[in-house]
Amino acid sequence: MRKPLSIAFIVRDPLPPLRADVLTLFGAEMPRYGVNTELVGQSGGEADAPWPAGGMHTVGSLKSRFAAILSPLWDLRGLLRARRRGRPDCIQVRDKIASGLLGRLAAAVLRVPFVYWMSFPIVEGFEVRRDEIGSCGKGLKWFAHVLRAAASRFVIYQLVLPGARHIFVQSEAMADWLAGKGFDRTRMTAVPMGVDATLFDRSKVEPVHDPRLDGRRVILYLGRIAQARRSDFLLDVAEILKRDVPDLLLVIAGDAASNDEMDWMRAEIARRGIGQHVLLTGWLPQKTALGYAVRAEVGLSPIPRGTLFDVSSPTKLVEYLALGIPSVANDIPDQQLVIDESRAGLCAPMEAGPFAAAVKRLLDDPALSAELAQGGPAYVRSHRTYAILGRIVAETYTKILSRPS
């Protein structure tokens, strides 16, 4: 019997993991294929849960003010703990730069392959933050961000990725983008965001009982609120729609990363005087959020265009389709691909007029909405569940980590 593969996996997200592309993909799907993981990273809260697919080595806390500096040292300590459980078949690092270099060096010492998992262009995110700070004045803080962005760009693109046997990326668009930087396209595998088919089965979701939705034409945004994501665009769309759809209600089911961001959104709603047309729920348990989702007639997925988001793979559109909610999404590459392949939604540019027009088309045409709603779940089951994605990832590991039986 073939011995299971073991991956020492350094992650950027807090442990225990909450993201489905770690929790479900590596916690539930990979073990089905004989791939176990030794998770290494920092804690993010008080939650504690066992890792069902190997071991979890939590060193340090993301709440520490020194986390950015100490994280690589903490990860090294975590790797040493993982090593006590046996020599891994590879070392994999997700979205970390200094720890990416550490992981490459550790893999060389252990003589195992090094793999990098890029779910977000971290360096480009640092550069956006640098420019935001620079627009307010070029002081010491700005200079520190200049140094961080420049050092990070050199380390990731000159030292880390060139040494990776394989690179997992978030989307086909991200793979093409990295290929444009000179990296071998054949060394990349795109793993877009998916859903757990069991959780996103509409027949098992109980609609929420909220009288504020009764008698309203409900449209839904399920996800994070952020100025960087231009979340006020949703309000632009609602302002246009309410002129012809007086009983419109935009439900924004999600929270923000900070109280300041939520305060900004509430202030925008109040400034526009559209409080009666917008329900801002704040954070919700997943079960409750899905209960709101299935009461919506249309799902909305506007994602700003640009380097940071054009290579992303948003989850919300796939979630809407899995629940049989006809949707309107804008034309970032992964969303365009999903709409084209599934034919379960409409695509419109992220401009208030055209986007609102697409939403109104679905509100006004029940036959079209029903047709789109029917196609969504079947597409997701055959393309974007973690069972499907898990098989792709497992097959990739089998190829790149081949060893004698």
Protein backbone atom coordinates (compact mmCIF):
# COMPACT_ATOMS: atom_id res chain seq x y z
CA MET A 1 0.00 0.00 0.00
CA ARG A 2 1.37 3.39 -0.98
CA LYS A 3 2.39 5.63 1.91
CA PRO A 4 0.44 8.95 2.04
CA LEU A 5 2.23 12.05 0.82
CA SER A 6 3.04 14.62 3.49
CA ILE A 7 3.22 18.36 2.80
CA ALA A 8 4.68 20.87 5.23
CA PHE A 9 2.44 23.84 4.45
CA ILE A 10 3.24 27.38 5.68
CA VAL A 11 0.13 29.57 5.42
CA ARG A 12 -0.46 33.31 5.72
CA ASP A 13 -4.03 33.02 7.02
CA PRO A 14 -4.70 32.54 10.74
CA LEU A 15 -4.81 29.09 12.26
CA PRO A 16 -7.01 27.16 12.71
CA PRO A 17 -7.91 27.82 9.06
CA LEU A 18 -11.31 29.23 8.10
CA ARG A 19 -10.90 29.72 4.35
CA ALA A 20 -12.49 26.93 2.34
CA ASP A 21 -9.50 26.69 0.01
CA VAL A 22 -7.46 25.55 3.01
CA LEU A 23 -10.03 24.07 5.39
CA THR A 24 -12.06 22.11 2.84
CA LEU A 25 -9.49 21.54 0.11
CA PHE A 26 -6.66 20.36 2.38
CA GLY A 27 -8.64 19.33 5.45
CA ALA A 28 -11.25 17.19 3.71
CA GLU A 29 -10.40 16.57 0.06
CA MET A 30 -6.65 15.95 -0.01
CA PRO A 31 -6.75 13.07 2.51
CA ARG A 32 -9.10 11.23 0.14
CA TYR A 33 -6.16 11.05 -2.26
CA GLY A 34 -3.53 10.16 0.29
CA VAL A 35 -2.18 13.69 0.74
CA ASN A 36 -1.74 14.86 4.34
CA THR A 37 -0.59 18.29 5.50
CA GLU A 38 1.39 19.64 8.40
CA LEU A 39 0.05 23.20 8.70
CA VAL A 40 2.44 25.87 9.95
CA GLY A 41 1.44 29.44 10.77
CA GLN A 42 0.23 31.90 13.39
CA SER A 43 -2.92 31.92 15.48
CA GLY A 44 -5.59 34.47 14.69
CA GLY A 45 -7.94 34.27 17.65
CA GLU A 46 -9.11 32.22 20.55
CA ALA A 47 -10.60 29.47 18.41
CA ASP A 48 -9.02 26.08 18.70
CA ALA A 49 -9.80 23.08 16.55
CA PRO A 50 -7.89 19.94 15.63
CA TRP A 51 -6.56 19.55 12.11
CA PRO A 52 -8.03 16.36 10.65
CA ALA A 53 -5.52 15.92 7.83
CA GLY A 54 -2.14 15.66 9.55
CA GLY A 55 -0.78 18.10 12.12
CA MET A 56 -1.09 21.82 12.94
CA HIS A 57 1.88 23.75 14.32
CA THR A 58 0.81 27.19 15.52
CA VAL A 59 3.66 29.47 16.58
CA GLY A 60 3.09 33.15 17.35
CA SER A 61 -0.01 35.27 16.88
CA LEU A 62 -1.17 37.54 14.07
CA LYS A 63 -2.46 39.85 16.80
CA SER A 64 1.10 40.63 17.89
CA ARG A 65 2.35 44.08 16.89
CA PHE A 66 5.59 42.39 15.82
CA ALA A 67 3.93 39.69 13.69
CA ALA A 68 5.21 41.06 10.37
CA ILE A 69 8.82 40.93 11.63
CA LEU A 70 8.71 37.71 13.64
CA SER A 71 6.55 35.64 11.32
CA PRO A 72 9.46 34.03 9.40
CA LEU A 73 11.15 33.02 12.66
CA TRP A 74 7.89 31.63 13.98
CA ASP A 75 7.41 29.71 10.74
CA LEU A 76 10.92 28.26 11.03
CA ARG A 77 10.09 27.04 14.52
CA GLY A 78 6.84 25.56 13.20
CA LEU A 79 8.70 23.78 10.41
CA LEU A 80 11.08 22.27 12.94
CA ARG A 81 8.11 20.98 14.92
CA ALA A 82 6.56 19.53 11.77
CA ARG A 83 9.87 17.88 10.88
CA ARG A 84 9.75 15.88 14.11
CA ARG A 85 6.75 14.06 12.67
CA GLY A 86 8.83 12.88 9.73
CA ARG A 87 10.50 14.17 6.59
CA PRO A 88 7.89 15.86 4.35
CA ASP A 89 7.56 15.08 0.67
CA CYS A 90 7.61 18.82 -0.07
CA ILE A 91 7.52 22.22 1.57
CA GLN A 92 4.76 24.50 0.35
CA VAL A 93 4.31 28.19 1.20
CA ARG A 94 1.17 30.21 0.59
CA ASP A 95 1.25 34.00 0.06
CA LYS A 96 4.29 34.66 2.26
CA ILE A 97 7.43 36.32 0.96
CA ALA A 98 10.16 36.07 3.62
CA SER A 99 8.81 32.67 4.66
CA GLY A 100 8.74 31.74 0.99
CA LEU A 101 12.50 32.21 0.87
CA LEU A 102 12.81 30.33 4.14
CA GLY A 103 10.70 27.50 2.69
CA ARG A 104 12.87 27.27 -0.41
CA LEU A 105 16.04 27.06 1.69
CA ALA A 106 14.51 24.49 4.05
CA ALA A 107 13.43 22.38 1.07
CA ALA A 108 16.99 22.49 -0.28
CA VAL A 109 18.39 21.38 3.07
CA LEU A 110 15.91 18.50 3.29
CA ARG A 111 16.31 17.73 -0.42
CA VAL A 112 12.59 17.84 -1.09
CA PRO A 113 10.66 19.90 -3.69
CA PHE A 114 9.58 23.45 -2.92
CA VAL A 115 6.07 24.51 -4.01
CA TYR A 116 4.53 27.98 -3.87
CA TRP A 117 0.80 28.75 -3.65
CA MET A 118 -0.16 32.25 -4.80
CA SER A 119 -3.75 33.21 -4.07
CA PHE A 120 -3.15 36.98 -4.25
CA PRO A 121 -0.46 39.24 -5.76
CA ILE A 122 1.00 40.25 -2.40
CA VAL A 123 3.80 42.42 -3.82
CA GLU A 124 1.40 44.41 -5.96
CA GLY A 125 -0.80 44.83 -2.89
CA PHE A 126 2.18 46.28 -1.02
CA GLU A 127 2.76 48.68 -3.93
CA VAL A 128 -0.85 49.84 -3.87
CA ARG A 129 -0.54 50.52 -0.14
CA ARG A 130 2.75 52.38 -0.76
CA ASP A 131 1.06 54.62 -3.32
CA GLU A 132 -1.94 55.27 -1.06
CA ILE A 133 0.36 56.46 1.72
CA GLY A 134 2.42 58.49 -0.75
CA SER A 135 -0.67 60.36 -1.92
CA CYS A 136 -1.00 61.78 1.61
CA GLY A 137 2.61 62.88 1.88
CA LYS A 138 6.00 61.22 1.49
CA GLY A 139 7.28 60.84 5.03
CA LEU A 140 9.05 58.12 6.97
CA LYS A 141 6.03 55.77 6.85
CA TRP A 142 5.89 56.07 3.06
CA PHE A 143 9.63 55.38 2.78
CA ALA A 144 9.25 52.24 4.90
CA HIS A 145 6.56 51.02 2.53
CA VAL A 146 8.79 51.85 -0.46
CA LEU A 147 11.49 49.61 1.00
CA ARG A 148 9.04 46.83 1.82
CA ALA A 149 7.55 46.82 -1.68
CA ALA A 150 10.96 46.88 -3.41
CA ALA A 151 12.47 44.17 -1.20
CA SER A 152 9.37 42.01 -1.55
CA ARG A 153 9.40 42.31 -5.34
CA PHE A 154 13.04 41.20 -5.50
CA VAL A 155 12.60 38.29 -3.10
CA ILE A 156 9.43 36.81 -4.58
CA TYR A 157 10.22 37.21 -8.28
CA GLN A 158 13.99 36.68 -8.20
CA LEU A 159 14.52 34.22 -5.35
CA VAL A 160 11.33 32.41 -4.38
CA LEU A 161 9.32 31.63 -7.52
CA PRO A 162 12.35 30.68 -9.66
CA GLY A 163 13.12 27.95 -7.13
CA ALA A 164 9.63 26.47 -7.03
CA ARG A 165 9.11 23.13 -8.69
CA HIS A 166 5.47 24.12 -9.14
CA ILE A 167 3.29 27.20 -8.58
CA PHE A 168 -0.40 26.93 -7.73
CA VAL A 169 -2.26 30.08 -8.74
CA GLN A 170 -5.73 31.50 -8.15
CA SER A 171 -6.91 31.66 -11.75
CA GLU A 172 -5.96 31.08 -15.37
CA ALA A 173 -5.59 34.86 -15.61
CA MET A 174 -3.00 34.79 -12.82
CA ALA A 175 -1.11 32.01 -14.60
CA ASP A 176 -1.05 34.06 -17.81
CA TRP A 177 0.07 37.13 -15.84
CA LEU A 178 2.99 35.25 -14.26
CA ALA A 179 3.88 33.73 -17.63
CA GLY A 180 4.12 37.30 -18.92
CA LYS A 181 6.78 37.88 -16.25
CA GLY A 182 8.84 35.02 -17.65
CA PHE A 183 7.72 32.06 -15.52
CA ASP A 184 7.10 28.74 -17.21
CA ARG A 185 3.37 28.30 -17.79
CA THR A 186 3.73 24.52 -17.63
CA ARG A 187 4.89 24.80 -14.00
CA MET A 188 1.58 26.36 -12.94
CA THR A 189 -1.82 24.97 -12.01
CA ALA A 190 -4.84 27.23 -11.61
CA VAL A 191 -7.05 26.40 -8.63
CA PRO A 192 -9.97 28.86 -8.63
CA MET A 193 -12.29 29.33 -5.69
CA GLY A 194 -15.00 26.74 -5.32
CA VAL A 195 -17.75 25.71 -2.93
CA ASP A 196 -18.59 22.82 -0.68
CA ALA A 197 -21.47 21.23 -2.58
CA THR A 198 -23.05 19.97 0.64
CA LEU A 199 -23.21 23.42 2.24
CA PHE A 200 -24.39 25.19 -0.91
CA ASP A 201 -27.31 22.88 -1.65
CA ARG A 202 -30.38 25.10 -1.89
CA SER A 203 -32.71 22.31 -0.86
CA LYS A 204 -30.93 22.19 2.52
CA VAL A 205 -30.88 25.95 3.16
CA GLU A 206 -33.65 27.38 5.31
CA PRO A 207 -34.72 30.88 4.18
CA VAL A 208 -34.25 33.46 6.90
CA HIS A 209 -37.39 34.85 8.54
CA ASP A 210 -36.83 38.60 8.41
CA PRO A 211 -39.94 40.77 7.95
CA ARG A 212 -37.80 43.55 6.44
CA LEU A 213 -37.58 41.43 3.29
CA ASP A 214 -41.29 40.72 3.00
CA GLY A 215 -42.90 42.24 -0.09
CA ARG A 216 -39.57 43.56 -1.39
CA ARG A 217 -37.63 42.93 -4.61
CA VAL A 218 -34.48 41.65 -2.95
CA ILE A 219 -31.07 41.83 -4.61
CA LEU A 220 -28.03 40.54 -2.75
CA TYR A 221 -24.35 41.17 -2.24
CA LEU A 222 -22.69 38.43 -0.20
CA GLY A 223 -19.18 39.34 0.87
CA ARG A 224 -16.67 41.77 2.35
CA ILE A 225 -17.18 45.53 2.46
CA ALA A 226 -14.12 47.64 1.66
CA GLN A 227 -13.33 50.99 0.10
CA ALA A 228 -10.60 49.25 -1.92
CA ARG A 229 -13.30 47.04 -3.42
CA ARG A 230 -15.42 50.10 -4.20
CA SER A 231 -18.30 48.73 -2.18
CA ASP A 232 -20.16 52.03 -2.57
CA PHE A 233 -20.70 50.97 -6.19
CA LEU A 234 -23.51 48.79 -4.84
CA LEU A 235 -25.21 51.95 -3.61
CA ASP A 236 -24.81 53.57 -7.02
CA VAL A 237 -26.66 50.62 -8.53
CA ALA A 238 -29.39 50.72 -5.87
CA GLU A 239 -29.93 54.46 -6.44
CA ILE A 240 -30.58 53.86 -10.12
CA LEU A 241 -32.81 50.83 -9.64
CA LYS A 242 -35.06 52.36 -6.99
CA ARG A 243 -36.36 54.89 -9.52
CA ASP A 244 -38.17 52.15 -11.46
CA VAL A 245 -38.36 49.53 -8.71
CA PRO A 246 -39.71 51.38 -5.67
CA ASP A 247 -39.89 48.23 -3.53
CA LEU A 248 -36.24 47.37 -4.18
CA LEU A 249 -34.14 46.20 -1.23
CA LEU A 250 -30.38 45.71 -1.54
CA VAL A 251 -29.19 43.27 1.12
CA ILE A 252 -25.48 43.55 1.84
CA ALA A 253 -24.73 40.41 3.84
CA GLY A 254 -21.22 40.83 5.12
CA ASP A 255 -18.84 42.71 7.34
CA ALA A 256 -15.76 44.90 6.90
CA ALA A 257 -12.21 44.40 8.09
CA SER A 258 -12.53 47.37 10.46
CA ASN A 259 -15.14 49.52 12.17
CA ASP A 260 -13.94 52.48 10.10
CA GLU A 261 -14.93 50.71 6.89
CA MET A 262 -18.40 49.89 8.25
CA ASP A 263 -18.83 53.46 9.46
CA TRP A 264 -17.88 54.67 5.97
CA MET A 265 -20.53 52.44 4.38
CA ARG A 266 -23.23 53.52 6.83
CA ALA A 267 -22.33 57.17 6.23
CA GLU A 268 -22.61 56.66 2.46
CA ILE A 269 -26.06 55.10 2.84
CA ALA A 270 -27.19 57.99 5.04
CA ARG A 271 -25.69 60.65 2.77
CA ARG A 272 -27.60 59.30 -0.21
CA GLY A 273 -30.82 58.96 1.78
CA ILE A 274 -31.42 55.37 0.67
CA GLY A 275 -31.63 53.69 4.05
CA GLN A 276 -35.06 52.29 3.22
CA HIS A 277 -33.59 50.52 0.19
CA VAL A 278 -30.46 49.04 1.79
CA LEU A 279 -30.12 46.43 4.53
CA LEU A 280 -26.59 46.23 5.88
CA THR A 281 -26.50 43.08 8.03
CA GLY A 282 -22.93 43.09 9.32
CA TRP A 283 -21.25 39.79 10.13
CA LEU A 284 -23.49 36.73 9.96
CA PRO A 285 -22.94 33.03 10.60
CA GLN A 286 -22.73 31.20 7.28
CA LYS A 287 -26.05 29.43 7.82
CA THR A 288 -27.84 32.75 8.37
CA ALA A 289 -26.09 34.43 5.44
CA LEU A 290 -27.23 31.65 3.12
CA GLY A 291 -30.73 32.05 4.53
CA TYR A 292 -30.69 35.66 3.31
CA ALA A 293 -29.17 34.62 -0.01
CA VAL A 294 -31.97 32.26 -1.00
CA ARG A 295 -34.52 35.04 -0.50
CA ALA A 296 -32.84 37.16 -3.18
CA GLU A 297 -33.97 37.41 -6.79
CA VAL A 298 -30.58 38.52 -8.11
CA GLY A 299 -27.02 38.15 -6.82
CA LEU A 300 -24.45 40.90 -7.43
CA SER A 301 -20.71 40.42 -7.91
CA PRO A 302 -18.94 43.65 -8.92
CA ILE A 303 -15.16 43.41 -8.56
CA PRO A 304 -12.93 46.39 -9.48
CA ARG A 305 -10.72 45.95 -12.52
CA GLY A 306 -6.96 46.29 -12.09
CA THR A 307 -3.86 44.22 -11.33
CA LEU A 308 -4.97 43.14 -7.86
CA PHE A 309 -8.40 41.83 -8.78
CA ASP A 310 -8.09 40.90 -12.47
CA VAL A 311 -6.12 37.81 -11.44
CA SER A 312 -8.51 36.89 -8.62
CA SER A 313 -11.18 34.21 -8.45
CA PRO A 314 -14.15 35.61 -6.50
CA THR A 315 -16.18 33.10 -4.52
CA LYS A 316 -19.47 34.95 -4.39
CA LEU A 317 -20.49 34.43 -8.02
CA VAL A 318 -19.91 30.68 -7.72
CA GLU A 319 -21.87 30.65 -4.45
CA TYR A 320 -24.82 32.41 -6.09
CA LEU A 321 -24.84 29.95 -8.99
CA ALA A 322 -24.62 26.95 -6.62
CA LEU A 323 -27.72 28.25 -4.83
CA GLY A 324 -29.58 28.79 -8.10
CA ILE A 325 -29.58 32.59 -7.85
CA PRO A 326 -29.43 34.35 -11.23
CA SER A 327 -26.57 36.81 -11.05
CA VAL A 328 -24.93 39.86 -12.54
CA ALA A 329 -21.13 40.01 -12.47
CA ASN A 330 -18.62 42.31 -14.08
CA ASP A 331 -15.95 41.31 -16.53
CA ILE A 332 -12.86 40.39 -14.55
CA PRO A 333 -11.44 37.33 -16.35
CA ASP A 334 -12.51 34.56 -13.96
CA GLN A 335 -16.06 35.88 -13.66
CA GLN A 336 -16.31 36.33 -17.42
CA LEU A 337 -15.16 32.71 -17.81
CA VAL A 338 -17.76 31.41 -15.34
CA ILE A 339 -20.59 33.38 -16.97
CA ASP A 340 -19.57 32.27 -20.46
CA GLU A 341 -19.27 28.61 -19.50
CA SER A 342 -22.29 28.35 -17.23
CA ARG A 343 -24.69 30.68 -19.04
CA ALA A 344 -26.24 31.13 -15.61
CA GLY A 345 -25.83 34.89 -15.26
CA LEU A 346 -25.25 38.17 -17.04
CA CYS A 347 -21.97 40.01 -17.43
CA ALA A 348 -21.80 43.82 -17.42
CA PRO A 349 -18.98 46.34 -16.98
CA MET A 350 -18.55 47.79 -13.51
CA GLU A 351 -20.37 50.98 -14.44
CA ALA A 352 -23.51 51.87 -12.52
CA GLY A 353 -25.77 52.34 -15.56
CA PRO A 354 -25.02 49.10 -17.48
CA PHE A 355 -24.80 47.05 -14.28
CA ALA A 356 -28.15 48.33 -13.01
CA ALA A 357 -29.69 47.69 -16.43
CA ALA A 358 -28.58 44.05 -16.31
CA VAL A 359 -30.08 43.64 -12.83
CA LYS A 360 -33.36 45.22 -13.95
CA ARG A 361 -33.47 42.89 -16.95
CA LEU A 362 -33.51 39.92 -14.59
CA LEU A 363 -36.08 41.53 -12.30
CA ASP A 364 -38.34 42.24 -15.29
CA ASP A 365 -37.97 38.87 -17.03
CA PRO A 366 -38.98 35.94 -14.78
CA ALA A 367 -38.53 33.43 -17.61
CA LEU A 368 -34.91 34.48 -18.20
CA SER A 369 -34.22 34.46 -14.46
CA ALA A 370 -35.64 30.97 -14.11
CA GLU A 371 -33.53 29.72 -17.02
CA LEU A 372 -30.35 31.14 -15.55
CA ALA A 373 -31.19 29.85 -12.07
CA GLN A 374 -31.59 26.33 -13.41
CA GLY A 375 -28.18 26.25 -15.06
CA GLY A 376 -26.11 27.44 -12.10
CA PRO A 377 -26.09 24.42 -9.77
CA ALA A 378 -25.29 21.94 -12.55
CA TYR A 379 -22.34 24.03 -13.70
CA VAL A 380 -20.93 24.36 -10.19
CA ARG A 381 -21.29 20.63 -9.51
CA SER A 382 -19.30 19.79 -12.62
CA HIS A 383 -16.67 22.57 -12.45
CA ARG A 384 -16.32 24.40 -9.14
CA THR A 385 -16.89 22.14 -6.14
CA TYR A 386 -13.96 21.33 -3.91
CA ALA A 387 -14.42 17.69 -4.81
CA ILE A 388 -13.63 18.60 -8.43
CA LEU A 389 -10.81 20.99 -7.52
CA GLY A 390 -9.40 18.49 -5.04
CA ARG A 391 -8.95 15.90 -7.76
CA ILE A 392 -7.07 18.43 -9.91
CA VAL A 393 -4.75 19.38 -7.04
CA ALA A 394 -4.15 15.77 -6.02
CA GLU A 395 -3.28 14.78 -9.59
CA THR A 396 -0.81 17.65 -9.71
CA TYR A 397 0.90 16.52 -6.51
CA THR A 398 1.10 12.98 -7.89
CA LYS A 399 2.99 14.31 -10.90
CA ILE A 400 5.35 16.73 -9.19
CA LEU A 401 6.02 14.64 -6.06
CA SER A 402 6.41 11.28 -7.75
CA ARG A 403 8.41 8.78 -5.73
CA PRO A 404 9.02 5.03 -5.80
CA SER A 405 6.21 2.86 -4.45
